[in-house]
Amino acid sequence: MRPVFIVLAVALLGLGGWWLTQERRWQGELYCIERPGTLWNGLAPLTAGLTPECPTYSRTYREEVRRGKARVEMYRLAGWQPKVLLDPFKRAGYRQLTNDVLPGNYTAFLDRGGDLLQYHAVQEGDTILITISGQP
């Protein structure tokens, strides 16, 4: 009877370890980055000089990302290069629908077969924050 308890204990520890590694992502600052080192979950390798970030919105927003109802990735880099991440999307078949430039802001909508993304860049001091959002 003792070997059964050992097997059960090992199985529970394994299950607990797996659950903990899955949950850690959702508790961390980079919860929205599903595949680190890539842009938009593997669309392309991440360009050097970009620092990934995730929105610090409410828990509700974080839960929407977790459940797959929303998707967002954010990247910060030095200087004003608002279109730096557009080319990988275009190479992946996204068509740029808009090209809106305002002082310190840039917005574009991208479409690939009905998959609509919003690309927004905003200048924050001497850096730029690029936010890409859409449905998963």
N, C-alpha and C. Protein backbone atom coordinates (compact mmCIF):
# COMPACT_ATOMS: atom_id res chain seq x y z
N MET A 1 0.81 -1.18 0.00
CA MET A 1 0.00 0.00 0.00
C MET A 1 0.87 1.27 0.00
N ARG A 2 2.02 1.18 0.57
CA ARG A 2 2.92 2.32 0.64
C ARG A 2 3.38 2.79 -0.74
N PRO A 3 3.71 1.91 -1.71
CA PRO A 3 4.11 2.37 -3.05
C PRO A 3 3.01 3.18 -3.74
N VAL A 4 1.75 2.86 -3.48
CA VAL A 4 0.64 3.62 -4.07
C VAL A 4 0.66 5.06 -3.59
N PHE A 5 0.92 5.27 -2.31
CA PHE A 5 0.99 6.62 -1.76
C PHE A 5 2.18 7.39 -2.34
N ILE A 6 3.29 6.71 -2.53
CA ILE A 6 4.46 7.36 -3.12
C ILE A 6 4.16 7.79 -4.55
N VAL A 7 3.54 6.91 -5.32
CA VAL A 7 3.18 7.24 -6.71
C VAL A 7 2.21 8.42 -6.73
N LEU A 8 1.21 8.40 -5.86
CA LEU A 8 0.25 9.50 -5.78
C LEU A 8 0.92 10.81 -5.38
N ALA A 9 1.83 10.74 -4.43
CA ALA A 9 2.53 11.94 -3.98
C ALA A 9 3.38 12.52 -5.10
N VAL A 10 4.09 11.67 -5.83
CA VAL A 10 4.92 12.13 -6.95
C VAL A 10 4.03 12.74 -8.04
N ALA A 11 2.91 12.09 -8.32
CA ALA A 11 1.98 12.60 -9.34
C ALA A 11 1.43 13.96 -8.93
N LEU A 12 1.05 14.10 -7.66
CA LEU A 12 0.53 15.38 -7.19
C LEU A 12 1.60 16.47 -7.21
N LEU A 13 2.81 16.13 -6.86
CA LEU A 13 3.90 17.11 -6.94
C LEU A 13 4.15 17.54 -8.37
N GLY A 14 4.13 16.58 -9.28
CA GLY A 14 4.31 16.91 -10.70
C GLY A 14 3.20 17.80 -11.21
N LEU A 15 1.98 17.48 -10.88
CA LEU A 15 0.83 18.28 -11.28
C LEU A 15 0.91 19.68 -10.67
N GLY A 16 1.29 19.75 -9.42
CA GLY A 16 1.44 21.04 -8.76
C GLY A 16 2.55 21.88 -9.39
N GLY A 17 3.65 21.26 -9.76
CA GLY A 17 4.74 21.97 -10.42
C GLY A 17 4.31 22.50 -11.78
N TRP A 18 3.60 21.67 -12.53
CA TRP A 18 3.10 22.11 -13.84
C TRP A 18 2.15 23.29 -13.68
N TRP A 19 1.22 23.19 -12.73
CA TRP A 19 0.26 24.27 -12.50
C TRP A 19 0.97 25.56 -12.10
N LEU A 20 1.97 25.44 -11.23
CA LEU A 20 2.70 26.61 -10.77
C LEU A 20 3.42 27.30 -11.92
N THR A 21 4.05 26.54 -12.81
CA THR A 21 4.74 27.17 -13.93
C THR A 21 3.76 27.85 -14.87
N GLN A 22 2.58 27.28 -15.05
CA GLN A 22 1.55 27.90 -15.90
C GLN A 22 1.02 29.18 -15.25
N GLU A 23 0.77 29.14 -13.97
CA GLU A 23 0.21 30.29 -13.26
C GLU A 23 1.21 31.43 -13.09
N ARG A 24 2.47 31.11 -13.01
CA ARG A 24 3.49 32.14 -12.80
C ARG A 24 3.46 33.17 -13.93
N ARG A 25 3.22 32.72 -15.16
CA ARG A 25 3.17 33.65 -16.29
C ARG A 25 2.08 34.70 -16.07
N TRP A 26 0.92 34.28 -15.60
CA TRP A 26 -0.20 35.21 -15.45
C TRP A 26 -0.02 36.15 -14.27
N GLN A 27 0.83 35.81 -13.35
CA GLN A 27 1.07 36.67 -12.20
C GLN A 27 2.20 37.66 -12.46
N GLY A 28 3.05 37.38 -13.44
CA GLY A 28 4.22 38.20 -13.70
C GLY A 28 3.93 39.43 -14.53
N GLU A 29 4.92 40.29 -14.61
CA GLU A 29 4.80 41.54 -15.37
C GLU A 29 4.63 41.30 -16.87
N LEU A 30 5.20 40.22 -17.39
CA LEU A 30 5.14 39.95 -18.83
C LEU A 30 4.10 38.89 -19.16
N TYR A 31 2.96 38.95 -18.50
CA TYR A 31 1.89 37.97 -18.71
C TYR A 31 1.38 37.94 -20.14
N CYS A 32 1.47 39.05 -20.87
CA CYS A 32 0.88 39.11 -22.21
C CYS A 32 1.81 38.56 -23.30
N ILE A 33 3.05 38.31 -22.99
CA ILE A 33 4.01 37.82 -23.99
C ILE A 33 3.98 36.30 -23.95
N GLU A 34 3.31 35.71 -24.93
CA GLU A 34 3.13 34.27 -24.93
C GLU A 34 4.41 33.52 -25.32
N ARG A 35 5.12 34.03 -26.32
CA ARG A 35 6.37 33.40 -26.75
C ARG A 35 7.49 34.42 -26.69
N PRO A 36 8.21 34.49 -25.56
CA PRO A 36 9.28 35.47 -25.41
C PRO A 36 10.30 35.39 -26.55
N GLY A 37 10.80 36.55 -26.94
CA GLY A 37 11.79 36.61 -28.02
C GLY A 37 11.17 36.67 -29.40
N THR A 38 9.83 36.64 -29.46
CA THR A 38 9.16 36.74 -30.75
C THR A 38 8.12 37.85 -30.71
N LEU A 39 7.76 38.30 -31.88
CA LEU A 39 6.73 39.30 -32.04
C LEU A 39 5.41 38.61 -32.35
N TRP A 40 4.35 39.02 -31.69
CA TRP A 40 2.99 38.54 -31.90
C TRP A 40 2.93 37.01 -31.93
N ASN A 41 3.43 36.43 -30.85
CA ASN A 41 3.37 34.98 -30.62
C ASN A 41 4.01 34.16 -31.73
N GLY A 42 5.20 34.56 -32.15
CA GLY A 42 5.95 33.76 -33.12
C GLY A 42 5.86 34.25 -34.55
N LEU A 43 5.23 35.38 -34.79
CA LEU A 43 5.13 35.93 -36.15
C LEU A 43 6.51 36.17 -36.74
N ALA A 44 7.43 36.68 -35.91
CA ALA A 44 8.81 36.97 -36.34
C ALA A 44 9.68 37.08 -35.09
N PRO A 45 11.00 36.88 -35.27
CA PRO A 45 11.89 37.10 -34.12
C PRO A 45 11.83 38.57 -33.69
N LEU A 46 12.00 38.81 -32.42
CA LEU A 46 11.94 40.16 -31.89
C LEU A 46 13.19 40.94 -32.31
N THR A 47 13.00 42.14 -32.80
CA THR A 47 14.09 43.01 -33.23
C THR A 47 14.91 43.44 -32.01
N ALA A 48 16.21 43.52 -32.17
CA ALA A 48 17.09 43.94 -31.08
C ALA A 48 16.73 45.35 -30.64
N GLY A 49 16.90 45.63 -29.37
CA GLY A 49 16.65 46.95 -28.82
C GLY A 49 15.24 47.15 -28.30
N LEU A 50 14.38 46.17 -28.50
CA LEU A 50 13.00 46.27 -28.02
C LEU A 50 12.87 45.60 -26.65
N THR A 51 12.22 46.28 -25.73
CA THR A 51 11.97 45.72 -24.41
C THR A 51 10.49 45.42 -24.29
N PRO A 52 10.12 44.14 -24.08
CA PRO A 52 8.71 43.80 -23.96
C PRO A 52 8.11 44.33 -22.66
N GLU A 53 6.85 44.72 -22.74
CA GLU A 53 6.08 45.16 -21.58
C GLU A 53 4.66 44.63 -21.74
N CYS A 54 3.90 44.69 -20.68
CA CYS A 54 2.49 44.35 -20.72
C CYS A 54 1.71 45.44 -20.03
N PRO A 55 0.46 45.63 -20.43
CA PRO A 55 -0.36 46.66 -19.79
C PRO A 55 -0.52 46.38 -18.30
N THR A 56 -0.59 47.43 -17.54
CA THR A 56 -0.82 47.30 -16.11
C THR A 56 -2.26 47.64 -15.78
N TYR A 57 -3.15 47.34 -16.72
CA TYR A 57 -4.58 47.60 -16.53
C TYR A 57 -5.12 46.73 -15.41
N SER A 58 -6.41 46.77 -15.25
CA SER A 58 -7.09 46.05 -14.18
C SER A 58 -6.93 44.54 -14.29
N ARG A 59 -7.29 43.86 -13.22
CA ARG A 59 -7.28 42.40 -13.24
C ARG A 59 -8.23 41.86 -14.28
N THR A 60 -9.31 42.59 -14.55
CA THR A 60 -10.28 42.16 -15.54
C THR A 60 -9.63 42.06 -16.91
N TYR A 61 -8.83 43.07 -17.26
CA TYR A 61 -8.14 43.04 -18.56
C TYR A 61 -7.15 41.88 -18.62
N ARG A 62 -6.42 41.69 -17.55
CA ARG A 62 -5.46 40.58 -17.49
C ARG A 62 -6.19 39.24 -17.67
N GLU A 63 -7.35 39.12 -17.09
CA GLU A 63 -8.14 37.89 -17.22
C GLU A 63 -8.64 37.70 -18.65
N GLU A 64 -8.99 38.79 -19.34
CA GLU A 64 -9.40 38.68 -20.74
C GLU A 64 -8.27 38.14 -21.60
N VAL A 65 -7.06 38.61 -21.35
CA VAL A 65 -5.89 38.11 -22.09
C VAL A 65 -5.67 36.64 -21.75
N ARG A 66 -5.78 36.32 -20.48
CA ARG A 66 -5.58 34.94 -20.04
C ARG A 66 -6.58 33.98 -20.67
N ARG A 67 -7.83 34.39 -20.75
CA ARG A 67 -8.87 33.53 -21.32
C ARG A 67 -8.85 33.51 -22.85
N GLY A 68 -8.02 34.34 -23.47
CA GLY A 68 -7.94 34.37 -24.92
C GLY A 68 -8.98 35.23 -25.59
N LYS A 69 -9.61 36.12 -24.84
CA LYS A 69 -10.61 37.02 -25.43
C LYS A 69 -9.96 38.27 -26.00
N ALA A 70 -8.76 38.60 -25.57
CA ALA A 70 -8.02 39.75 -26.06
C ALA A 70 -6.55 39.37 -26.16
N ARG A 71 -5.86 40.11 -26.98
CA ARG A 71 -4.42 39.88 -27.11
C ARG A 71 -3.73 41.22 -27.24
N VAL A 72 -2.63 41.37 -26.54
CA VAL A 72 -1.89 42.62 -26.57
C VAL A 72 -0.41 42.31 -26.33
N GLU A 73 0.43 43.02 -27.04
CA GLU A 73 1.87 42.98 -26.79
C GLU A 73 2.36 44.41 -26.85
N MET A 74 3.31 44.75 -25.98
CA MET A 74 3.86 46.10 -25.94
C MET A 74 5.38 46.02 -25.96
N TYR A 75 5.99 46.98 -26.66
CA TYR A 75 7.44 47.02 -26.76
C TYR A 75 7.91 48.46 -26.63
N ARG A 76 8.97 48.65 -25.87
CA ARG A 76 9.56 49.97 -25.68
C ARG A 76 10.95 49.98 -26.33
N LEU A 77 11.27 51.12 -26.96
CA LEU A 77 12.61 51.30 -27.51
C LEU A 77 12.96 52.78 -27.49
N ALA A 78 14.24 53.05 -27.64
CA ALA A 78 14.73 54.42 -27.60
C ALA A 78 14.45 55.13 -28.92
N GLY A 79 14.24 56.44 -28.83
CA GLY A 79 14.06 57.27 -30.02
C GLY A 79 12.64 57.22 -30.56
N TRP A 80 12.47 57.83 -31.71
CA TRP A 80 11.14 57.90 -32.36
C TRP A 80 11.20 57.11 -33.66
N GLN A 81 10.83 55.84 -33.57
CA GLN A 81 10.78 54.93 -34.72
C GLN A 81 9.41 54.26 -34.72
N PRO A 82 8.35 54.99 -35.00
CA PRO A 82 7.01 54.46 -34.80
C PRO A 82 6.64 53.29 -35.70
N LYS A 83 7.28 53.13 -36.83
CA LYS A 83 6.90 52.08 -37.78
C LYS A 83 7.84 50.87 -37.74
N VAL A 84 8.69 50.81 -36.75
CA VAL A 84 9.75 49.79 -36.71
C VAL A 84 9.21 48.35 -36.76
N LEU A 85 8.02 48.10 -36.26
CA LEU A 85 7.49 46.73 -36.22
C LEU A 85 6.46 46.43 -37.32
N LEU A 86 6.23 47.37 -38.22
CA LEU A 86 5.25 47.13 -39.27
C LEU A 86 5.73 46.11 -40.31
N ASP A 87 6.98 46.15 -40.70
CA ASP A 87 7.48 45.25 -41.75
C ASP A 87 7.27 43.77 -41.45
N PRO A 88 7.53 43.28 -40.23
CA PRO A 88 7.26 41.86 -39.97
C PRO A 88 5.80 41.48 -40.19
N PHE A 89 4.89 42.36 -39.85
CA PHE A 89 3.47 42.08 -40.07
C PHE A 89 3.16 42.05 -41.56
N LYS A 90 3.72 42.98 -42.31
CA LYS A 90 3.49 43.02 -43.76
C LYS A 90 4.06 41.77 -44.43
N ARG A 91 5.24 41.34 -44.00
CA ARG A 91 5.84 40.11 -44.57
C ARG A 91 5.00 38.89 -44.24
N ALA A 92 4.26 38.95 -43.13
CA ALA A 92 3.41 37.82 -42.74
C ALA A 92 2.03 37.90 -43.39
N GLY A 93 1.82 38.85 -44.28
CA GLY A 93 0.57 38.92 -45.02
C GLY A 93 -0.44 39.92 -44.52
N TYR A 94 -0.08 40.70 -43.52
CA TYR A 94 -1.00 41.74 -43.05
C TYR A 94 -0.95 42.92 -44.02
N ARG A 95 -2.12 43.48 -44.30
CA ARG A 95 -2.24 44.64 -45.18
C ARG A 95 -2.53 45.85 -44.30
N GLN A 96 -1.77 46.92 -44.52
CA GLN A 96 -1.97 48.12 -43.73
C GLN A 96 -3.17 48.89 -44.27
N LEU A 97 -4.16 49.15 -43.40
CA LEU A 97 -5.38 49.84 -43.80
C LEU A 97 -5.31 51.34 -43.56
N THR A 98 -4.62 51.75 -42.49
CA THR A 98 -4.53 53.17 -42.15
C THR A 98 -3.10 53.55 -41.84
N ASN A 99 -2.83 54.85 -41.84
CA ASN A 99 -1.50 55.38 -41.58
C ASN A 99 -1.68 56.77 -40.97
N ASP A 100 -2.00 56.82 -39.68
CA ASP A 100 -2.35 58.07 -39.02
C ASP A 100 -1.19 58.57 -38.16
N VAL A 101 -0.68 59.76 -38.52
CA VAL A 101 0.45 60.34 -37.80
C VAL A 101 0.01 61.65 -37.15
N LEU A 102 0.25 61.75 -35.87
CA LEU A 102 0.04 62.97 -35.10
C LEU A 102 1.33 63.22 -34.32
N PRO A 103 1.57 64.43 -33.86
CA PRO A 103 2.79 64.67 -33.08
C PRO A 103 2.88 63.72 -31.87
N GLY A 104 3.92 62.92 -31.85
CA GLY A 104 4.16 61.98 -30.75
C GLY A 104 3.28 60.75 -30.75
N ASN A 105 2.47 60.55 -31.79
CA ASN A 105 1.58 59.40 -31.88
C ASN A 105 1.54 58.87 -33.31
N TYR A 106 1.43 57.57 -33.41
CA TYR A 106 1.26 56.93 -34.72
C TYR A 106 0.30 55.76 -34.54
N THR A 107 -0.67 55.63 -35.43
CA THR A 107 -1.62 54.54 -35.36
C THR A 107 -1.84 53.96 -36.75
N ALA A 108 -1.91 52.64 -36.79
CA ALA A 108 -2.23 51.94 -38.04
C ALA A 108 -3.12 50.75 -37.70
N PHE A 109 -4.03 50.45 -38.60
CA PHE A 109 -4.81 49.22 -38.51
C PHE A 109 -4.30 48.28 -39.58
N LEU A 110 -4.15 47.01 -39.21
CA LEU A 110 -3.64 45.98 -40.11
C LEU A 110 -4.68 44.88 -40.24
N ASP A 111 -4.77 44.29 -41.42
CA ASP A 111 -5.76 43.25 -41.66
C ASP A 111 -5.11 42.09 -42.42
N ARG A 112 -5.46 40.90 -42.00
CA ARG A 112 -5.05 39.69 -42.73
C ARG A 112 -6.24 38.75 -42.70
N GLY A 113 -6.99 38.75 -43.78
CA GLY A 113 -8.14 37.86 -43.88
C GLY A 113 -9.18 38.04 -42.79
N GLY A 114 -9.42 39.26 -42.39
CA GLY A 114 -10.38 39.51 -41.32
C GLY A 114 -9.77 39.57 -39.93
N ASP A 115 -8.51 39.23 -39.81
CA ASP A 115 -7.78 39.32 -38.55
C ASP A 115 -7.29 40.76 -38.42
N LEU A 116 -8.01 41.60 -37.69
CA LEU A 116 -7.73 43.02 -37.58
C LEU A 116 -6.90 43.32 -36.34
N LEU A 117 -5.80 44.05 -36.54
CA LEU A 117 -4.92 44.45 -35.44
C LEU A 117 -4.81 45.95 -35.39
N GLN A 118 -4.66 46.48 -34.18
CA GLN A 118 -4.35 47.89 -34.02
C GLN A 118 -2.90 48.01 -33.59
N TYR A 119 -2.18 48.88 -34.26
CA TYR A 119 -0.77 49.14 -34.01
C TYR A 119 -0.69 50.60 -33.58
N HIS A 120 -0.24 50.85 -32.36
CA HIS A 120 -0.20 52.22 -31.85
C HIS A 120 1.16 52.50 -31.22
N ALA A 121 1.77 53.60 -31.63
CA ALA A 121 3.05 54.02 -31.07
C ALA A 121 2.88 55.40 -30.44
N VAL A 122 3.38 55.55 -29.24
CA VAL A 122 3.30 56.83 -28.54
C VAL A 122 4.67 57.17 -27.96
N GLN A 123 5.05 58.43 -28.12
CA GLN A 123 6.32 58.88 -27.59
C GLN A 123 6.16 59.18 -26.11
N GLU A 124 7.09 58.65 -25.32
CA GLU A 124 7.10 58.88 -23.88
C GLU A 124 8.51 59.31 -23.49
N GLY A 125 8.72 60.60 -23.43
CA GLY A 125 10.06 61.12 -23.16
C GLY A 125 10.99 60.80 -24.31
N ASP A 126 12.11 60.16 -24.00
CA ASP A 126 13.05 59.79 -25.07
C ASP A 126 12.87 58.36 -25.54
N THR A 127 11.73 57.74 -25.20
CA THR A 127 11.43 56.39 -25.67
C THR A 127 10.09 56.39 -26.40
N ILE A 128 9.83 55.28 -27.04
CA ILE A 128 8.55 55.08 -27.71
C ILE A 128 7.97 53.78 -27.20
N LEU A 129 6.67 53.77 -26.98
CA LEU A 129 5.97 52.55 -26.56
C LEU A 129 5.04 52.14 -27.68
N ILE A 130 5.26 50.94 -28.24
CA ILE A 130 4.44 50.41 -29.31
C ILE A 130 3.52 49.35 -28.73
N THR A 131 2.24 49.51 -28.98
CA THR A 131 1.24 48.56 -28.50
C THR A 131 0.54 47.94 -29.69
N ILE A 132 0.50 46.61 -29.73
CA ILE A 132 -0.21 45.87 -30.78
C ILE A 132 -1.32 45.11 -30.08
N SER A 133 -2.53 45.28 -30.57
CA SER A 133 -3.65 44.61 -29.93
C SER A 133 -4.64 44.10 -30.97
N GLY A 134 -5.35 43.06 -30.57
CA GLY A 134 -6.36 42.47 -31.45
C GLY A 134 -6.91 41.21 -30.83
N GLN A 135 -7.66 40.48 -31.61
CA GLN A 135 -8.20 39.20 -31.15
C GLN A 135 -7.16 38.12 -31.35
N PRO A 136 -7.12 37.15 -30.45
CA PRO A 136 -6.15 36.06 -30.61
C PRO A 136 -6.43 35.20 -31.83
